[in-house]
Every structure is written in C-alpha cells, then in structure tokens.
Amino acid sequence: EGGPGEEGVAKPKAKRRVVSAIDERARARKSWENYQKFQAEPGHKCPRCWLMLRHCCCDGLPKGVVLRPKVTVVFHHLELGRHLGSNTAKLLLHFGAELCAWGIDEHDAKLRQVLMQDTAGTVGLFPS
C-alpha cells in the first residue's frame, strides 16, 4: 500500500523508496558540486575551517601534525552543501583525515573499501 502518486494513483512503498533514494543521490551530487565550488571560490569564508574569514581558526592549529590512525570523516551531503562552520569534524582534515560525502557513489565505494580493509581496526564516528 502506498500514498497518493501521480494522478491520484497509489505508489507501492517499495517504489517510493527507490524514487526517494534516487532523489537523495541527486541532492547529494548537487551538494558535492556546491562544496567543490565553495572550495574553489570560498568568498567570505575560509575553505579549510568554513568559518567567516574574520573568525578563521586555521592559523591557531598546530602545523605538521598528522593523525597516526587513518581517519575518514563521513559528511552528510547537506553538511557539505551548506559548509556550515559549526561542524568541527572538518578540522580533522587539517591533520590528514580524508573526506567522504555520504551519497556520492565514488565516496561510498571508497568508504566500503576502507571498512573492508581493516574491519577489526575500523571505528565509525558520525559527527553531528
């Protein structure tokens, strides 16, 4: 049983989930494009810490420090698309962490590979 679809015809729930997943992937790609544009032309924000330039914290971060364990930070595409300064997990990128955008096929594949390479030694953190 599904809710109203096109022209009042009910869509099965499974079909709605597929359509929703496709829409989510399209939104993820758009957010990734927005993030890449921001990185190229950050305007009034720092492209590394995402804070307004007058509040940039990058100069205060230690130089030459690299994380010993491999760290991959998974961002929801909405976080990347809006590049909000409130998400502090992005500061791990300064220390060598890798960025993965949830919903981007290449990033999802990379994340799966990382998880499969060292299942016992992998920890997942989901910043919010």
C-alpha atoms as a PDB file:
ATOM      1  CA  GLU A   1       0.000   0.000   0.000  1.00  0.00           C
ATOM      2  CA  GLY A   2       1.263   3.407  -0.836  1.00  0.00           C
ATOM      3  CA  GLY A   3       0.252   7.012  -0.644  1.00  0.00           C
ATOM      4  CA  PRO A   4      -1.029   9.119  -3.481  1.00  0.00           C
ATOM      5  CA  GLY A   5       1.219   9.180  -6.505  1.00  0.00           C
ATOM      6  CA  GLU A   6       0.836  10.710  -9.894  1.00  0.00           C
ATOM      7  CA  GLU A   7      -2.746  11.441 -10.870  1.00  0.00           C
ATOM      8  CA  GLY A   8      -4.078  10.087  -7.571  1.00  0.00           C
ATOM      9  CA  VAL A   9      -2.765   6.553  -8.202  1.00  0.00           C
ATOM     10  CA  ALA A  10      -1.197   4.951  -5.151  1.00  0.00           C
ATOM     11  CA  LYS A  11       2.514   4.113  -5.467  1.00  0.00           C
ATOM     12  CA  PRO A  12       3.781   0.994  -3.720  1.00  0.00           C
ATOM     13  CA  LYS A  13       6.060   1.734  -0.747  1.00  0.00           C
ATOM     14  CA  ALA A  14       8.988  -0.075  -2.379  1.00  0.00           C
ATOM     15  CA  LYS A  15       8.728   2.141  -5.455  1.00  0.00           C
ATOM     16  CA  ARG A  16       8.558   5.276  -3.287  1.00  0.00           C
ATOM     17  CA  ARG A  17      11.745   4.156  -1.506  1.00  0.00           C
ATOM     18  CA  VAL A  18      13.543   3.693  -4.844  1.00  0.00           C
ATOM     19  CA  VAL A  19      12.402   7.113  -6.072  1.00  0.00           C
ATOM     20  CA  SER A  20      13.385   8.640  -2.742  1.00  0.00           C
ATOM     21  CA  ALA A  21      16.872   7.041  -2.942  1.00  0.00           C
ATOM     22  CA  ILE A  22      17.321   8.404  -6.470  1.00  0.00           C
ATOM     23  CA  ASP A  23      16.239  11.874  -5.341  1.00  0.00           C
ATOM     24  CA  GLU A  24      18.632  11.663  -2.386  1.00  0.00           C
ATOM     25  CA  ARG A  25      21.527  10.733  -4.705  1.00  0.00           C
ATOM     26  CA  ALA A  26      20.695  13.703  -6.960  1.00  0.00           C
ATOM     27  CA  ARG A  27      20.654  16.019  -3.939  1.00  0.00           C
ATOM     28  CA  ALA A  28      23.977  14.552  -2.790  1.00  0.00           C
ATOM     29  CA  ARG A  29      25.568  15.229  -6.196  1.00  0.00           C
ATOM     30  CA  LYS A  30      24.272  18.811  -6.157  1.00  0.00           C
ATOM     31  CA  SER A  31      25.631  19.359  -2.640  1.00  0.00           C
ATOM     32  CA  TRP A  32      29.008  17.921  -3.681  1.00  0.00           C
ATOM     33  CA  GLU A  33      29.092  20.306  -6.659  1.00  0.00           C
ATOM     34  CA  ASN A  34      28.277  23.214  -4.328  1.00  0.00           C
ATOM     35  CA  TYR A  35      31.064  22.142  -1.979  1.00  0.00           C
ATOM     36  CA  GLN A  36      33.585  21.953  -4.821  1.00  0.00           C
ATOM     37  CA  LYS A  37      32.554  25.434  -5.991  1.00  0.00           C
ATOM     38  CA  PHE A  38      32.967  26.692  -2.431  1.00  0.00           C
ATOM     39  CA  GLN A  39      36.455  25.172  -2.241  1.00  0.00           C
ATOM     40  CA  ALA A  40      37.416  26.921  -5.488  1.00  0.00           C
ATOM     41  CA  GLU A  41      35.839  30.262  -4.539  1.00  0.00           C
ATOM     42  CA  PRO A  42      35.158  30.429  -0.798  1.00  0.00           C
ATOM     43  CA  GLY A  43      34.226  34.105  -0.798  1.00  0.00           C
ATOM     44  CA  HIS A  44      33.986  35.439   2.773  1.00  0.00           C
ATOM     45  CA  LYS A  45      34.652  32.024   4.376  1.00  0.00           C
ATOM     46  CA  CYS A  46      37.837  30.029   4.927  1.00  0.00           C
ATOM     47  CA  PRO A  47      37.833  26.926   2.672  1.00  0.00           C
ATOM     48  CA  ARG A  48      39.539  24.856   5.396  1.00  0.00           C
ATOM     49  CA  CYS A  49      37.628  25.640   8.606  1.00  0.00           C
ATOM     50  CA  TRP A  50      34.495  27.019   6.871  1.00  0.00           C
ATOM     51  CA  LEU A  51      34.327  29.924   9.303  1.00  0.00           C
ATOM     52  CA  MET A  52      33.989  33.515   8.177  1.00  0.00           C
ATOM     53  CA  LEU A  53      37.489  34.816   7.409  1.00  0.00           C
ATOM     54  CA  ARG A  54      37.473  37.175  10.378  1.00  0.00           C
ATOM     55  CA  HIS A  55      36.869  34.143  12.673  1.00  0.00           C
ATOM     56  CA  CYS A  56      39.177  31.678  10.870  1.00  0.00           C
ATOM     57  CA  CYS A  57      40.946  29.355  13.299  1.00  0.00           C
ATOM     58  CA  CYS A  58      43.432  27.789  10.884  1.00  0.00           C
ATOM     59  CA  ASP A  59      46.437  29.861  11.975  1.00  0.00           C
ATOM     60  CA  GLY A  60      45.953  28.580  15.523  1.00  0.00           C
ATOM     61  CA  LEU A  61      46.042  24.908  14.513  1.00  0.00           C
ATOM     62  CA  PRO A  62      49.320  23.032  15.001  1.00  0.00           C
ATOM     63  CA  LYS A  63      51.396  22.659  11.828  1.00  0.00           C
ATOM     64  CA  GLY A  64      52.945  19.358  10.752  1.00  0.00           C
ATOM     65  CA  VAL A  65      50.747  17.182  12.964  1.00  0.00           C
ATOM     66  CA  VAL A  66      49.379  14.159  11.129  1.00  0.00           C
ATOM     67  CA  LEU A  67      46.885  11.694  12.558  1.00  0.00           C
ATOM     68  CA  ARG A  68      48.526   8.334  13.171  1.00  0.00           C
ATOM     69  CA  PRO A  69      45.471   6.154  12.516  1.00  0.00           C
ATOM     70  CA  LYS A  70      43.810   6.582   9.153  1.00  0.00           C
ATOM     71  CA  VAL A  71      40.753   8.778   9.673  1.00  0.00           C
ATOM     72  CA  THR A  72      37.931   9.197   7.202  1.00  0.00           C
ATOM     73  CA  VAL A  73      35.288  11.751   8.078  1.00  0.00           C
ATOM     74  CA  VAL A  74      31.901  10.992   6.562  1.00  0.00           C
ATOM     75  CA  PHE A  75      29.821  14.075   5.955  1.00  0.00           C
ATOM     76  CA  HIS A  76      26.167  14.054   5.060  1.00  0.00           C
ATOM     77  CA  HIS A  77      25.767  15.883   1.795  1.00  0.00           C
ATOM     78  CA  LEU A  78      23.686  18.609   3.456  1.00  0.00           C
ATOM     79  CA  GLU A  79      26.630  19.480   5.714  1.00  0.00           C
ATOM     80  CA  LEU A  80      28.911  19.829   2.700  1.00  0.00           C
ATOM     81  CA  GLY A  81      26.432  21.717   0.568  1.00  0.00           C
ATOM     82  CA  ARG A  82      25.914  24.360   3.232  1.00  0.00           C
ATOM     83  CA  HIS A  83      29.548  24.241   4.501  1.00  0.00           C
ATOM     84  CA  LEU A  84      28.494  25.333   7.970  1.00  0.00           C
ATOM     85  CA  GLY A  85      31.257  26.360  10.327  1.00  0.00           C
ATOM     86  CA  SER A  86      29.562  24.625  13.261  1.00  0.00           C
ATOM     87  CA  ASN A  87      30.718  21.146  12.220  1.00  0.00           C
ATOM     88  CA  THR A  88      34.081  20.792  13.939  1.00  0.00           C
ATOM     89  CA  ALA A  89      34.840  17.329  12.492  1.00  0.00           C
ATOM     90  CA  LYS A  90      36.099  19.082   9.365  1.00  0.00           C
ATOM     91  CA  LEU A  91      39.116  20.258  11.390  1.00  0.00           C
ATOM     92  CA  LEU A  92      40.381  16.673  11.253  1.00  0.00           C
ATOM     93  CA  LEU A  93      41.007  17.261   7.538  1.00  0.00           C
ATOM     94  CA  HIS A  94      43.772  19.702   8.568  1.00  0.00           C
ATOM     95  CA  PHE A  95      45.559  16.768  10.214  1.00  0.00           C
ATOM     96  CA  GLY A  96      45.343  14.374   7.253  1.00  0.00           C
ATOM     97  CA  ALA A  97      41.878  12.885   7.565  1.00  0.00           C
ATOM     98  CA  GLU A  98      40.071  12.078   4.342  1.00  0.00           C
ATOM     99  CA  LEU A  99      36.657  13.422   3.449  1.00  0.00           C
ATOM    100  CA  CYS A 100      33.812  11.228   2.235  1.00  0.00           C
ATOM    101  CA  ALA A 101      30.465  12.645   1.224  1.00  0.00           C
ATOM    102  CA  TRP A 102      27.555  10.344   2.032  1.00  0.00           C
ATOM    103  CA  GLY A 103      25.530   9.642  -1.085  1.00  0.00           C
ATOM    104  CA  ILE A 104      28.310  10.206  -3.646  1.00  0.00           C
ATOM    105  CA  ASP A 105      28.903   6.869  -5.377  1.00  0.00           C
ATOM    106  CA  GLU A 106      32.717   7.147  -5.532  1.00  0.00           C
ATOM    107  CA  HIS A 107      32.887   8.191  -1.887  1.00  0.00           C
ATOM    108  CA  ASP A 108      30.528   5.403  -0.790  1.00  0.00           C
ATOM    109  CA  ALA A 109      32.721   2.877  -2.633  1.00  0.00           C
ATOM    110  CA  LYS A 110      35.864   4.315  -1.024  1.00  0.00           C
ATOM    111  CA  LEU A 111      34.266   4.099   2.414  1.00  0.00           C
ATOM    112  CA  ARG A 112      33.231   0.486   1.838  1.00  0.00           C
ATOM    113  CA  GLN A 113      36.815  -0.306   0.785  1.00  0.00           C
ATOM    114  CA  VAL A 114      38.234   1.324   3.926  1.00  0.00           C
ATOM    115  CA  LEU A 115      35.814  -0.630   6.107  1.00  0.00           C
ATOM    116  CA  MET A 116      36.598  -3.931   4.394  1.00  0.00           C
ATOM    117  CA  GLN A 117      40.396  -3.479   4.541  1.00  0.00           C
ATOM    118  CA  ASP A 118      40.527  -3.376   8.333  1.00  0.00           C
ATOM    119  CA  THR A 119      37.203  -4.469   9.796  1.00  0.00           C
ATOM    120  CA  ALA A 120      38.581  -5.101  13.293  1.00  0.00           C
ATOM    121  CA  GLY A 121      40.512  -1.844  13.432  1.00  0.00           C
ATOM    122  CA  THR A 122      37.887   0.453  11.965  1.00  0.00           C
ATOM    123  CA  VAL A 123      35.769   2.738  14.083  1.00  0.00           C
ATOM    124  CA  GLY A 124      32.903   4.767  12.696  1.00  0.00           C
ATOM    125  CA  LEU A 125      32.153   8.223  14.078  1.00  0.00           C
ATOM    126  CA  PHE A 126      29.180  10.149  12.847  1.00  0.00           C
ATOM    127  CA  PRO A 127      29.644  13.822  13.664  1.00  0.00           C
ATOM    128  CA  SER A 128      26.531  15.875  14.111  1.00  0.00           C
END
